[in-house]
Amino acid sequence: MIANAFSFLEKDNSVLIFASGVSNSCETSSVAFGKEKKLLINAINKHLDKIIVYFSTCSIFDQGMQNSAYTNHKIKMENLIKSKSANYIIFRLPQVIGRGGNKSNLINYLYDRINSFVPISIWSDAYRDIIDIEDVVKIVMFTLKDKCIATEINIGSNKPTKVLDIVNIIENLIDKKAIISIIEKESYANGFDISKMQQISKKINIDFNNNYTEKVIGKYYDKK
């Protein structure tokens, strides 16, 4: 999904969009992690003259996920980039929504199971930020044009949405009721700096308030 969204940059000799990374936050395979590491090292070495754009995750700020293999891997990849390149921008993303995408993506996962009446387990106090892939492109392109390199940009909001509320949004869109079991557990990325993203979003008119989450989910999943 991310690679397709940035395909218009394919012939741009100034930037490399690294969209071959591990995208499943439940991944535990050392083989998958090793594959991304090798690809990333090769990409940096081969394109030393280009700005490397890497997509990490806001999960590194989530106490419920900080010890996961996926989160630890993303931190290692960030450090790898910083040690090997002076021309990079790391975007730490929340849940990205767009056409298609990985089936393990939270929203795809919830939609498929609700639509098929497959039972799902939901953490009682889990919250997630949502962003439209089209807004990711806008933020990345603005940052590139602004020549803001050797930096990390956290993309999130001050009002993440409870996963149970996301389930409710999908239920209302497709007029089906989810079969849910509640697990008493929390997951919430908080206390991280989104000031850079807020400055950018104001300049390019992205409003993360006013039911942003509901609007974006409806844009891609409303059967009507």
N, C-alpha and C. Protein backbone atom coordinates (compact mmCIF):
# COMPACT_ATOMS: atom_id res chain seq x y z
N MET A 1 0.82 -1.20 0.00
CA MET A 1 0.00 0.00 0.00
C MET A 1 0.87 1.26 0.00
N ILE A 2 1.87 1.29 0.86
CA ILE A 2 2.76 2.45 0.93
C ILE A 2 3.58 2.58 -0.35
N ALA A 3 4.09 1.46 -0.85
CA ALA A 3 4.88 1.50 -2.09
C ALA A 3 4.04 2.05 -3.25
N ASN A 4 2.81 1.59 -3.36
CA ASN A 4 1.93 2.06 -4.42
C ASN A 4 1.64 3.56 -4.28
N ALA A 5 1.46 3.99 -3.05
CA ALA A 5 1.13 5.40 -2.81
C ALA A 5 2.25 6.33 -3.23
N PHE A 6 3.50 5.83 -3.17
CA PHE A 6 4.65 6.67 -3.53
C PHE A 6 5.26 6.27 -4.88
N SER A 7 4.53 5.54 -5.68
CA SER A 7 5.07 5.07 -6.96
C SER A 7 5.43 6.20 -7.91
N PHE A 8 4.82 7.37 -7.71
CA PHE A 8 5.12 8.52 -8.58
C PHE A 8 6.55 9.02 -8.38
N LEU A 9 7.22 8.56 -7.31
CA LEU A 9 8.61 8.96 -7.06
C LEU A 9 9.62 7.96 -7.61
N GLU A 10 9.15 6.99 -8.35
CA GLU A 10 10.01 5.90 -8.82
C GLU A 10 11.25 6.40 -9.57
N LYS A 11 11.09 7.45 -10.35
CA LYS A 11 12.21 7.95 -11.15
C LYS A 11 12.88 9.17 -10.53
N ASP A 12 12.54 9.46 -9.29
CA ASP A 12 13.16 10.59 -8.59
C ASP A 12 14.52 10.15 -8.05
N ASN A 13 15.57 10.78 -8.52
CA ASN A 13 16.93 10.40 -8.13
C ASN A 13 17.40 11.00 -6.81
N SER A 14 16.52 11.76 -6.14
CA SER A 14 16.94 12.42 -4.91
C SER A 14 16.46 11.70 -3.65
N VAL A 15 15.51 10.77 -3.81
CA VAL A 15 14.91 10.15 -2.62
C VAL A 15 14.64 8.67 -2.86
N LEU A 16 14.77 7.88 -1.80
CA LEU A 16 14.41 6.46 -1.83
C LEU A 16 13.37 6.19 -0.75
N ILE A 17 12.19 5.78 -1.16
CA ILE A 17 11.13 5.40 -0.22
C ILE A 17 11.32 3.93 0.11
N PHE A 18 11.69 3.64 1.35
CA PHE A 18 11.92 2.25 1.74
C PHE A 18 10.60 1.67 2.24
N ALA A 19 9.96 0.90 1.37
CA ALA A 19 8.63 0.36 1.68
C ALA A 19 8.63 -1.17 1.66
N SER A 20 9.78 -1.75 1.94
CA SER A 20 9.90 -3.21 1.92
C SER A 20 10.06 -3.80 3.32
N GLY A 21 9.70 -3.03 4.31
CA GLY A 21 9.93 -3.47 5.68
C GLY A 21 8.85 -4.39 6.22
N VAL A 22 9.09 -4.92 7.41
CA VAL A 22 8.11 -5.74 8.12
C VAL A 22 6.94 -4.85 8.53
N SER A 23 5.73 -5.22 8.15
CA SER A 23 4.57 -4.37 8.43
C SER A 23 3.61 -4.99 9.44
N ASN A 24 3.80 -6.26 9.76
CA ASN A 24 2.91 -6.95 10.69
C ASN A 24 3.44 -6.78 12.11
N SER A 25 2.72 -6.06 12.94
CA SER A 25 3.17 -5.78 14.30
C SER A 25 3.19 -7.03 15.18
N CYS A 26 2.58 -8.11 14.69
CA CYS A 26 2.60 -9.38 15.44
C CYS A 26 3.73 -10.30 14.97
N GLU A 27 4.54 -9.82 14.03
CA GLU A 27 5.63 -10.64 13.49
C GLU A 27 6.65 -10.98 14.59
N THR A 28 7.11 -12.23 14.56
CA THR A 28 8.14 -12.67 15.52
C THR A 28 9.30 -13.37 14.83
N SER A 29 9.21 -13.53 13.51
CA SER A 29 10.20 -14.31 12.77
C SER A 29 11.52 -13.56 12.62
N SER A 30 12.59 -14.17 13.09
CA SER A 30 13.92 -13.58 12.93
C SER A 30 14.31 -13.54 11.46
N VAL A 31 13.75 -14.46 10.67
CA VAL A 31 14.03 -14.48 9.23
C VAL A 31 13.46 -13.23 8.57
N ALA A 32 12.22 -12.88 8.92
CA ALA A 32 11.59 -11.68 8.36
C ALA A 32 12.34 -10.42 8.77
N PHE A 33 12.73 -10.36 10.03
CA PHE A 33 13.47 -9.20 10.52
C PHE A 33 14.85 -9.11 9.85
N GLY A 34 15.48 -10.26 9.69
CA GLY A 34 16.79 -10.29 9.05
C GLY A 34 16.72 -9.87 7.60
N LYS A 35 15.63 -10.25 6.93
CA LYS A 35 15.45 -9.86 5.52
C LYS A 35 15.35 -8.35 5.39
N GLU A 36 14.58 -7.72 6.28
CA GLU A 36 14.45 -6.26 6.21
C GLU A 36 15.80 -5.59 6.49
N LYS A 37 16.52 -6.10 7.49
CA LYS A 37 17.82 -5.52 7.83
C LYS A 37 18.77 -5.57 6.64
N LYS A 38 18.83 -6.71 5.98
CA LYS A 38 19.71 -6.86 4.83
C LYS A 38 19.30 -5.92 3.70
N LEU A 39 18.00 -5.84 3.42
CA LEU A 39 17.50 -4.95 2.37
C LEU A 39 17.83 -3.49 2.69
N LEU A 40 17.68 -3.14 3.95
CA LEU A 40 17.92 -1.76 4.35
C LEU A 40 19.39 -1.38 4.23
N ILE A 41 20.27 -2.26 4.68
CA ILE A 41 21.71 -2.00 4.56
C ILE A 41 22.11 -1.85 3.09
N ASN A 42 21.61 -2.76 2.26
CA ASN A 42 21.91 -2.69 0.82
C ASN A 42 21.38 -1.41 0.20
N ALA A 43 20.18 -1.01 0.61
CA ALA A 43 19.57 0.21 0.05
C ALA A 43 20.39 1.45 0.42
N ILE A 44 20.80 1.52 1.68
CA ILE A 44 21.60 2.67 2.13
C ILE A 44 22.93 2.73 1.39
N ASN A 45 23.60 1.58 1.31
CA ASN A 45 24.92 1.54 0.65
C ASN A 45 24.83 1.84 -0.84
N LYS A 46 23.74 1.43 -1.46
CA LYS A 46 23.57 1.61 -2.91
C LYS A 46 23.12 3.03 -3.25
N HIS A 47 22.49 3.71 -2.31
CA HIS A 47 21.90 5.02 -2.60
C HIS A 47 22.39 6.06 -1.60
N LEU A 48 23.68 6.17 -1.44
CA LEU A 48 24.27 7.10 -0.48
C LEU A 48 23.96 8.55 -0.81
N ASP A 49 23.65 8.82 -2.09
CA ASP A 49 23.38 10.19 -2.52
C ASP A 49 21.90 10.56 -2.38
N LYS A 50 21.08 9.62 -1.93
CA LYS A 50 19.64 9.88 -1.83
C LYS A 50 19.20 10.03 -0.38
N ILE A 51 18.06 10.71 -0.20
CA ILE A 51 17.43 10.77 1.11
C ILE A 51 16.68 9.46 1.32
N ILE A 52 16.97 8.77 2.41
CA ILE A 52 16.29 7.53 2.72
C ILE A 52 15.08 7.83 3.60
N VAL A 53 13.89 7.49 3.10
CA VAL A 53 12.67 7.66 3.89
C VAL A 53 12.27 6.30 4.46
N TYR A 54 12.26 6.21 5.78
CA TYR A 54 11.95 4.94 6.44
C TYR A 54 10.71 5.11 7.31
N PHE A 55 9.87 4.07 7.30
CA PHE A 55 8.64 4.10 8.08
C PHE A 55 8.76 3.19 9.29
N SER A 56 8.81 3.82 10.44
CA SER A 56 8.87 3.09 11.70
C SER A 56 7.47 3.10 12.33
N THR A 57 7.40 2.96 13.62
CA THR A 57 6.10 2.82 14.27
C THR A 57 6.00 3.62 15.57
N CYS A 58 4.83 4.15 15.84
CA CYS A 58 4.58 4.83 17.11
C CYS A 58 4.46 3.83 18.25
N SER A 59 4.46 2.55 17.94
CA SER A 59 4.37 1.52 18.98
C SER A 59 5.57 1.55 19.92
N ILE A 60 6.65 2.18 19.50
CA ILE A 60 7.81 2.25 20.38
C ILE A 60 7.51 3.08 21.63
N PHE A 61 6.40 3.84 21.61
CA PHE A 61 5.99 4.62 22.77
C PHE A 61 4.86 3.95 23.55
N ASP A 62 4.46 2.76 23.11
CA ASP A 62 3.33 2.05 23.70
C ASP A 62 3.85 1.04 24.72
N GLN A 63 3.54 1.25 25.99
CA GLN A 63 4.04 0.35 27.03
C GLN A 63 3.55 -1.08 26.84
N GLY A 64 2.39 -1.24 26.20
CA GLY A 64 1.85 -2.57 25.96
C GLY A 64 2.57 -3.31 24.84
N MET A 65 3.38 -2.58 24.05
CA MET A 65 4.05 -3.21 22.91
C MET A 65 5.56 -3.00 22.91
N GLN A 66 6.08 -2.31 23.91
CA GLN A 66 7.50 -1.96 23.91
C GLN A 66 8.41 -3.18 23.96
N ASN A 67 7.93 -4.28 24.50
CA ASN A 67 8.76 -5.48 24.60
C ASN A 67 8.51 -6.48 23.47
N SER A 68 7.70 -6.08 22.49
CA SER A 68 7.41 -6.99 21.39
C SER A 68 8.61 -7.09 20.44
N ALA A 69 8.72 -8.22 19.76
CA ALA A 69 9.82 -8.43 18.81
C ALA A 69 9.77 -7.39 17.69
N TYR A 70 8.56 -7.07 17.24
CA TYR A 70 8.38 -6.10 16.15
C TYR A 70 8.88 -4.72 16.55
N THR A 71 8.47 -4.26 17.74
CA THR A 71 8.87 -2.93 18.19
C THR A 71 10.38 -2.84 18.40
N ASN A 72 10.95 -3.86 19.01
CA ASN A 72 12.40 -3.88 19.21
C ASN A 72 13.15 -3.87 17.88
N HIS A 73 12.59 -4.58 16.90
CA HIS A 73 13.21 -4.60 15.57
C HIS A 73 13.19 -3.22 14.94
N LYS A 74 12.06 -2.53 15.05
CA LYS A 74 11.95 -1.20 14.45
C LYS A 74 12.94 -0.22 15.08
N ILE A 75 13.13 -0.33 16.39
CA ILE A 75 14.10 0.53 17.07
C ILE A 75 15.51 0.25 16.54
N LYS A 76 15.82 -1.03 16.34
CA LYS A 76 17.13 -1.40 15.81
C LYS A 76 17.33 -0.85 14.40
N MET A 77 16.27 -0.89 13.57
CA MET A 77 16.37 -0.37 12.20
C MET A 77 16.55 1.14 12.20
N GLU A 78 15.88 1.83 13.12
CA GLU A 78 16.09 3.28 13.24
C GLU A 78 17.54 3.59 13.57
N ASN A 79 18.08 2.87 14.54
CA ASN A 79 19.47 3.10 14.94
C ASN A 79 20.45 2.74 13.82
N LEU A 80 20.11 1.73 13.06
CA LEU A 80 20.93 1.33 11.92
C LEU A 80 21.01 2.45 10.89
N ILE A 81 19.87 3.03 10.57
CA ILE A 81 19.82 4.13 9.61
C ILE A 81 20.65 5.31 10.10
N LYS A 82 20.47 5.67 11.36
CA LYS A 82 21.20 6.82 11.91
C LYS A 82 22.70 6.61 11.90
N SER A 83 23.12 5.36 12.05
CA SER A 83 24.56 5.08 12.10
C SER A 83 25.20 5.01 10.72
N LYS A 84 24.38 4.77 9.68
CA LYS A 84 24.93 4.55 8.35
C LYS A 84 24.61 5.66 7.35
N SER A 85 23.71 6.55 7.69
CA SER A 85 23.31 7.58 6.73
C SER A 85 23.12 8.92 7.42
N ALA A 86 23.52 9.98 6.73
CA ALA A 86 23.28 11.34 7.23
C ALA A 86 22.05 11.93 6.54
N ASN A 87 21.57 11.24 5.50
CA ASN A 87 20.43 11.72 4.72
C ASN A 87 19.24 10.78 4.91
N TYR A 88 18.51 11.01 5.96
CA TYR A 88 17.36 10.14 6.23
C TYR A 88 16.25 10.95 6.88
N ILE A 89 15.03 10.43 6.73
CA ILE A 89 13.89 10.91 7.50
C ILE A 89 13.14 9.68 7.97
N ILE A 90 12.94 9.57 9.26
CA ILE A 90 12.20 8.46 9.83
C ILE A 90 10.81 8.95 10.23
N PHE A 91 9.79 8.34 9.65
CA PHE A 91 8.41 8.66 10.02
C PHE A 91 7.86 7.53 10.87
N ARG A 92 7.51 7.86 12.10
CA ARG A 92 6.91 6.85 12.98
C ARG A 92 5.40 6.93 12.80
N LEU A 93 4.84 5.88 12.21
CA LEU A 93 3.44 5.91 11.81
C LEU A 93 2.53 5.20 12.81
N PRO A 94 1.27 5.66 12.86
CA PRO A 94 0.23 4.91 13.56
C PRO A 94 -0.38 3.90 12.60
N GLN A 95 -1.64 3.54 12.77
CA GLN A 95 -2.33 2.63 11.86
C GLN A 95 -2.66 3.38 10.56
N VAL A 96 -2.14 2.89 9.44
CA VAL A 96 -2.36 3.53 8.15
C VAL A 96 -3.49 2.83 7.41
N ILE A 97 -4.42 3.62 6.87
CA ILE A 97 -5.55 3.07 6.12
C ILE A 97 -5.47 3.53 4.68
N GLY A 98 -5.74 2.60 3.77
CA GLY A 98 -5.77 2.91 2.35
C GLY A 98 -6.39 1.76 1.59
N ARG A 99 -6.31 1.80 0.28
CA ARG A 99 -6.83 0.70 -0.54
C ARG A 99 -5.91 -0.51 -0.40
N GLY A 100 -6.49 -1.66 -0.09
CA GLY A 100 -5.70 -2.87 0.02
C GLY A 100 -4.89 -2.87 1.30
N GLY A 101 -3.62 -3.19 1.16
CA GLY A 101 -2.75 -3.23 2.33
C GLY A 101 -2.71 -4.61 2.95
N ASN A 102 -1.85 -4.74 3.93
CA ASN A 102 -1.63 -6.01 4.60
C ASN A 102 -2.89 -6.46 5.33
N LYS A 103 -3.23 -7.74 5.19
CA LYS A 103 -4.41 -8.29 5.86
C LYS A 103 -4.27 -8.24 7.38
N SER A 104 -3.03 -8.18 7.87
CA SER A 104 -2.81 -8.13 9.31
C SER A 104 -2.97 -6.72 9.87
N ASN A 105 -3.07 -5.72 8.99
CA ASN A 105 -3.35 -4.35 9.43
C ASN A 105 -4.59 -4.36 10.32
N LEU A 106 -4.54 -3.63 11.43
CA LEU A 106 -5.61 -3.69 12.42
C LEU A 106 -6.99 -3.48 11.82
N ILE A 107 -7.15 -2.46 11.00
CA ILE A 107 -8.48 -2.15 10.47
C ILE A 107 -8.94 -3.22 9.49
N ASN A 108 -8.03 -3.71 8.63
CA ASN A 108 -8.38 -4.82 7.73
C ASN A 108 -8.77 -6.05 8.53
N TYR A 109 -8.01 -6.32 9.58
CA TYR A 109 -8.27 -7.47 10.45
C TYR A 109 -9.65 -7.38 11.08
N LEU A 110 -9.96 -6.22 11.66
CA LEU A 110 -11.26 -6.05 12.31
C LEU A 110 -12.40 -6.13 11.29
N TYR A 111 -12.21 -5.45 10.16
CA TYR A 111 -13.26 -5.46 9.14
C TYR A 111 -13.55 -6.87 8.65
N ASP A 112 -12.51 -7.63 8.32
CA ASP A 112 -12.70 -8.98 7.80
C ASP A 112 -13.44 -9.88 8.79
N ARG A 113 -13.09 -9.76 10.06
CA ARG A 113 -13.71 -10.63 11.05
C ARG A 113 -15.13 -10.21 11.40
N ILE A 114 -15.37 -8.92 11.46
CA ILE A 114 -16.73 -8.45 11.71
C ILE A 114 -17.63 -8.82 10.53
N ASN A 115 -17.13 -8.61 9.33
CA ASN A 115 -17.91 -8.89 8.13
C ASN A 115 -18.21 -10.38 7.98
N SER A 116 -17.31 -11.23 8.49
CA SER A 116 -17.48 -12.67 8.36
C SER A 116 -18.03 -13.32 9.63
N PHE A 117 -18.37 -12.51 10.62
CA PHE A 117 -18.89 -12.99 11.90
C PHE A 117 -17.91 -13.95 12.59
N VAL A 118 -16.63 -13.65 12.47
CA VAL A 118 -15.60 -14.44 13.15
C VAL A 118 -15.31 -13.77 14.50
N PRO A 119 -15.31 -14.53 15.60
CA PRO A 119 -15.05 -13.94 16.91
C PRO A 119 -13.68 -13.26 16.99
N ILE A 120 -13.61 -12.14 17.69
CA ILE A 120 -12.35 -11.42 17.86
C ILE A 120 -12.15 -11.09 19.34
N SER A 121 -10.89 -11.08 19.75
CA SER A 121 -10.54 -10.70 21.11
C SER A 121 -10.01 -9.27 21.10
N ILE A 122 -10.55 -8.44 21.97
CA ILE A 122 -10.19 -7.02 22.01
C ILE A 122 -9.67 -6.67 23.40
N TRP A 123 -8.54 -5.98 23.46
CA TRP A 123 -8.03 -5.49 24.74
C TRP A 123 -8.96 -4.39 25.25
N SER A 124 -9.29 -4.44 26.51
CA SER A 124 -10.28 -3.53 27.08
C SER A 124 -9.85 -2.07 27.00
N ASP A 125 -8.57 -1.81 27.17
CA ASP A 125 -8.08 -0.43 27.17
C ASP A 125 -6.98 -0.24 26.13
N ALA A 126 -7.27 -0.63 24.91
CA ALA A 126 -6.34 -0.44 23.79
C ALA A 126 -6.80 0.75 22.96
N TYR A 127 -5.87 1.62 22.62
CA TYR A 127 -6.17 2.81 21.82
C TYR A 127 -5.24 2.85 20.60
N ARG A 128 -5.75 3.36 19.50
CA ARG A 128 -4.94 3.46 18.29
C ARG A 128 -5.23 4.78 17.57
N ASP A 129 -4.18 5.34 17.00
CA ASP A 129 -4.31 6.47 16.08
C ASP A 129 -4.48 5.93 14.67
N ILE A 130 -5.24 6.63 13.87
CA ILE A 130 -5.50 6.26 12.48
C ILE A 130 -5.04 7.39 11.57
N ILE A 131 -4.46 7.02 10.42
CA ILE A 131 -4.13 8.05 9.43
C ILE A 131 -4.39 7.52 8.02
N ASP A 132 -4.88 8.38 7.18
CA ASP A 132 -5.14 8.08 5.78
C ASP A 132 -3.80 8.03 5.03
N ILE A 133 -3.60 7.02 4.19
CA ILE A 133 -2.36 6.91 3.41
C ILE A 133 -2.14 8.16 2.57
N GLU A 134 -3.21 8.79 2.11
CA GLU A 134 -3.06 10.01 1.32
C GLU A 134 -2.48 11.15 2.16
N ASP A 135 -2.81 11.16 3.45
CA ASP A 135 -2.24 12.18 4.34
C ASP A 135 -0.78 11.86 4.67
N VAL A 136 -0.44 10.57 4.73
CA VAL A 136 0.97 10.19 4.91
C VAL A 136 1.80 10.74 3.75
N VAL A 137 1.30 10.57 2.54
CA VAL A 137 2.01 11.07 1.36
C VAL A 137 2.19 12.59 1.44
N LYS A 138 1.14 13.30 1.83
CA LYS A 138 1.22 14.76 1.93
C LYS A 138 2.29 15.19 2.95
N ILE A 139 2.32 14.51 4.10
CA ILE A 139 3.28 14.85 5.15
C ILE A 139 4.71 14.57 4.68
N VAL A 140 4.90 13.42 4.06
CA VAL A 140 6.24 13.05 3.58
C VAL A 140 6.72 14.03 2.51
N MET A 141 5.86 14.34 1.55
CA MET A 141 6.25 15.23 0.46
C MET A 141 6.56 16.63 0.97
N PHE A 142 5.79 17.12 1.93
CA PHE A 142 6.07 18.44 2.50
C PHE A 142 7.43 18.43 3.19
N THR A 143 7.70 17.36 3.94
CA THR A 143 8.97 17.27 4.67
C THR A 143 10.15 17.22 3.71
N LEU A 144 10.00 16.49 2.61
CA LEU A 144 11.06 16.41 1.61
C LEU A 144 11.31 17.77 0.97
N LYS A 145 10.25 18.46 0.62
CA LYS A 145 10.40 19.78 0.00
C LYS A 145 10.99 20.79 0.97
N ASP A 146 10.72 20.58 2.25
CA ASP A 146 11.24 21.48 3.27
C ASP A 146 12.68 21.15 3.65
N LYS A 147 13.21 20.08 3.01
CA LYS A 147 14.60 19.63 3.21
C LYS A 147 14.92 19.40 4.69
N CYS A 148 13.97 18.78 5.37
CA CYS A 148 14.15 18.49 6.79
C CYS A 148 14.70 17.07 6.93
N ILE A 149 16.03 16.94 6.89
CA ILE A 149 16.65 15.61 6.91
C ILE A 149 17.33 15.34 8.25
N ALA A 150 17.77 14.07 8.40
CA ALA A 150 18.40 13.60 9.64
C ALA A 150 17.49 13.88 10.83
N THR A 151 16.23 13.46 10.70
CA THR A 151 15.25 13.72 11.75
C THR A 151 14.23 12.60 11.83
N GLU A 152 13.53 12.55 12.96
CA GLU A 152 12.42 11.62 13.13
C GLU A 152 11.15 12.43 13.35
N ILE A 153 10.06 12.01 12.73
CA ILE A 153 8.79 12.70 12.88
C ILE A 153 7.74 11.71 13.36
N ASN A 154 7.18 11.98 14.53
CA ASN A 154 6.13 11.14 15.09
C ASN A 154 4.79 11.61 14.58
N ILE A 155 4.02 10.69 14.02
CA ILE A 155 2.70 11.03 13.50
C ILE A 155 1.64 10.42 14.40
N GLY A 156 0.87 11.28 15.03
CA GLY A 156 -0.16 10.82 15.94
C GLY A 156 -1.07 11.98 16.29
N SER A 157 -1.93 11.77 17.25
CA SER A 157 -2.84 12.83 17.68
C SER A 157 -2.91 12.85 19.19
N ASN A 158 -3.54 13.88 19.69
CA ASN A 158 -3.76 13.96 21.14
C ASN A 158 -5.01 13.18 21.55
N LYS A 159 -5.71 12.62 20.56
CA LYS A 159 -6.96 11.94 20.84
C LYS A 159 -7.02 10.58 20.11
N PRO A 160 -6.19 9.62 20.51
CA PRO A 160 -6.29 8.29 19.89
C PRO A 160 -7.65 7.67 20.19
N THR A 161 -8.07 6.77 19.34
CA THR A 161 -9.40 6.17 19.44
C THR A 161 -9.34 4.80 20.10
N LYS A 162 -10.23 4.55 21.00
CA LYS A 162 -10.30 3.24 21.63
C LYS A 162 -10.65 2.19 20.58
N VAL A 163 -9.98 1.04 20.64
CA VAL A 163 -10.21 0.00 19.63
C VAL A 163 -11.66 -0.46 19.65
N LEU A 164 -12.25 -0.51 20.82
CA LEU A 164 -13.67 -0.87 20.90
C LEU A 164 -14.55 0.13 20.15
N ASP A 165 -14.16 1.39 20.14
CA ASP A 165 -14.91 2.40 19.38
C ASP A 165 -14.68 2.24 17.88
N ILE A 166 -13.46 1.82 17.50
CA ILE A 166 -13.19 1.53 16.09
C ILE A 166 -14.07 0.38 15.61
N VAL A 167 -14.21 -0.64 16.46
CA VAL A 167 -15.10 -1.76 16.14
C VAL A 167 -16.52 -1.26 15.92
N ASN A 168 -16.96 -0.35 16.79
CA ASN A 168 -18.31 0.20 16.67
C ASN A 168 -18.50 0.98 15.38
N ILE A 169 -17.46 1.73 14.98
CA ILE A 169 -17.52 2.48 13.72
C ILE A 169 -17.71 1.53 12.54
N ILE A 170 -16.93 0.44 12.53
CA ILE A 170 -17.03 -0.54 11.44
C ILE A 170 -18.39 -1.23 11.46
N GLU A 171 -18.87 -1.57 12.64
CA GLU A 171 -20.19 -2.20 12.76
C GLU A 171 -21.27 -1.32 12.12
N ASN A 172 -21.23 -0.04 12.41
CA ASN A 172 -22.24 0.88 11.87
C ASN A 172 -22.11 1.04 10.36
N LEU A 173 -20.87 0.99 9.85
CA LEU A 173 -20.67 1.16 8.41
C LEU A 173 -21.21 -0.02 7.61
N ILE A 174 -21.01 -1.23 8.12
CA ILE A 174 -21.39 -2.42 7.34
C ILE A 174 -22.66 -3.10 7.89
N ASP A 175 -23.22 -2.48 8.93
CA ASP A 175 -24.47 -2.97 9.51
C ASP A 175 -24.38 -4.44 9.94
N LYS A 176 -23.27 -4.76 10.62
CA LYS A 176 -23.10 -6.10 11.17
C LYS A 176 -22.54 -5.95 12.58
N LYS A 177 -22.85 -6.91 13.43
CA LYS A 177 -22.43 -6.86 14.82
C LYS A 177 -21.23 -7.77 15.04
N ALA A 178 -20.22 -7.24 15.70
CA ALA A 178 -19.02 -8.02 15.99
C ALA A 178 -19.27 -9.01 17.12
N ILE A 179 -18.59 -10.14 17.05
CA ILE A 179 -18.61 -11.13 18.13
C ILE A 179 -17.32 -10.94 18.91
N ILE A 180 -17.42 -10.37 20.10
CA ILE A 180 -16.25 -9.89 20.83
C ILE A 180 -16.08 -10.60 22.17
N SER A 181 -14.83 -10.89 22.48
CA SER A 181 -14.47 -11.26 23.84
C SER A 181 -13.45 -10.23 24.33
N ILE A 182 -13.64 -9.76 25.54
CA ILE A 182 -12.81 -8.70 26.09
C ILE A 182 -11.68 -9.28 26.93
N ILE A 183 -10.46 -8.80 26.65
CA ILE A 183 -9.29 -9.16 27.46
C ILE A 183 -8.89 -7.93 28.27
N GLU A 184 -8.79 -8.10 29.57
CA GLU A 184 -8.44 -6.97 30.43
C GLU A 184 -6.95 -6.64 30.29
N LYS A 185 -6.67 -5.78 29.34
CA LYS A 185 -5.29 -5.40 29.06
C LYS A 185 -5.30 -4.03 28.40
N GLU A 186 -4.22 -3.28 28.57
CA GLU A 186 -4.18 -1.95 27.98
C GLU A 186 -3.03 -1.81 26.99
N SER A 187 -3.23 -0.92 26.05
CA SER A 187 -2.20 -0.62 25.05
C SER A 187 -2.46 0.80 24.57
N TYR A 188 -1.51 1.68 24.86
CA TYR A 188 -1.76 3.09 24.59
C TYR A 188 -0.43 3.82 24.42
N ALA A 189 -0.19 4.32 23.23
CA ALA A 189 1.03 5.09 22.97
C ALA A 189 0.80 6.54 23.40
N ASN A 190 1.51 6.97 24.41
CA ASN A 190 1.31 8.34 24.87
C ASN A 190 2.63 8.98 25.30
N GLY A 191 2.57 10.27 25.53
CA GLY A 191 3.73 10.99 26.03
C GLY A 191 4.82 11.22 25.00
N PHE A 192 4.50 11.08 23.70
CA PHE A 192 5.53 11.33 22.71
C PHE A 192 5.27 12.64 21.97
N ASP A 193 6.32 13.20 21.44
CA ASP A 193 6.31 14.54 20.86
C ASP A 193 5.75 14.50 19.44
N ILE A 194 4.64 15.19 19.21
CA ILE A 194 4.06 15.28 17.87
C ILE A 194 4.11 16.72 17.35
N SER A 195 4.95 17.54 17.94
CA SER A 195 4.97 18.96 17.56
C SER A 195 5.37 19.17 16.10
N LYS A 196 6.33 18.38 15.61
CA LYS A 196 6.74 18.52 14.20
C LYS A 196 5.58 18.20 13.27
N MET A 197 4.88 17.11 13.57
CA MET A 197 3.74 16.72 12.75
C MET A 197 2.64 17.76 12.81
N GLN A 198 2.40 18.33 13.98
CA GLN A 198 1.36 19.34 14.12
C GLN A 198 1.67 20.58 13.30
N GLN A 199 2.93 20.99 13.29
CA GLN A 199 3.33 22.14 12.48
C GLN A 199 3.11 21.88 10.99
N ILE A 200 3.46 20.67 10.56
CA ILE A 200 3.28 20.30 9.16
C ILE A 200 1.81 20.22 8.80
N SER A 201 1.01 19.55 9.63
CA SER A 201 -0.40 19.35 9.32
C SER A 201 -1.16 20.67 9.21
N LYS A 202 -0.76 21.66 10.01
CA LYS A 202 -1.40 22.98 9.91
C LYS A 202 -1.09 23.63 8.56
N LYS A 203 0.15 23.48 8.11
CA LYS A 203 0.57 24.12 6.86
C LYS A 203 -0.07 23.47 5.64
N ILE A 204 -0.39 22.17 5.74
CA ILE A 204 -0.97 21.48 4.58
C ILE A 204 -2.44 21.13 4.80
N ASN A 205 -3.02 21.73 5.83
CA ASN A 205 -4.47 21.64 6.08
C ASN A 205 -4.98 20.21 6.31
N ILE A 206 -4.29 19.48 7.16
CA ILE A 206 -4.80 18.18 7.61
C ILE A 206 -5.34 18.36 9.01
N ASP A 207 -6.62 18.10 9.20
CA ASP A 207 -7.28 18.30 10.48
C ASP A 207 -7.54 16.94 11.13
N PHE A 208 -6.78 16.65 12.18
CA PHE A 208 -6.94 15.37 12.86
C PHE A 208 -8.07 15.39 13.89
N ASN A 209 -8.74 16.50 13.99
CA ASN A 209 -9.91 16.59 14.87
C ASN A 209 -11.18 16.38 14.05
N ASN A 210 -12.31 16.72 14.62
CA ASN A 210 -13.58 16.65 13.90
C ASN A 210 -13.85 15.29 13.27
N ASN A 211 -13.80 14.24 14.11
CA ASN A 211 -14.15 12.88 13.68
C ASN A 211 -13.25 12.36 12.56
N TYR A 212 -11.97 12.73 12.61
CA TYR A 212 -11.03 12.28 11.57
C TYR A 212 -11.04 10.76 11.41
N THR A 213 -10.95 10.04 12.53
CA THR A 213 -10.89 8.58 12.48
C THR A 213 -12.11 8.00 11.78
N GLU A 214 -13.28 8.45 12.19
CA GLU A 214 -14.53 7.94 11.60
C GLU A 214 -14.62 8.26 10.11
N LYS A 215 -14.18 9.45 9.73
CA LYS A 215 -14.23 9.85 8.32
C LYS A 215 -13.31 8.99 7.46
N VAL A 216 -12.09 8.73 7.97
CA VAL A 216 -11.13 7.95 7.18
C VAL A 216 -11.57 6.50 7.06
N ILE A 217 -12.04 5.91 8.15
CA ILE A 217 -12.53 4.53 8.06
C ILE A 217 -13.71 4.45 7.10
N GLY A 218 -14.60 5.42 7.18
CA GLY A 218 -15.75 5.44 6.27
C GLY A 218 -15.34 5.59 4.81
N LYS A 219 -14.28 6.32 4.57
CA LYS A 219 -13.79 6.54 3.21
C LYS A 219 -13.41 5.24 2.51
N TYR A 220 -12.85 4.30 3.27
CA TYR A 220 -12.33 3.07 2.67
C TYR A 220 -13.16 1.82 2.95
N TYR A 221 -14.05 1.89 3.95
CA TYR A 221 -14.74 0.65 4.34
C TYR A 221 -16.27 0.74 4.30
N ASP A 222 -16.80 1.88 3.91
CA ASP A 222 -18.26 2.01 3.87
C ASP A 222 -18.81 1.29 2.65
N LYS A 223 -19.57 0.21 2.88
CA LYS A 223 -20.12 -0.56 1.76
C LYS A 223 -21.13 0.24 0.97
N LYS A 224 -21.76 1.25 1.60
CA LYS A 224 -22.74 2.06 0.88
C LYS A 224 -22.07 2.94 -0.17
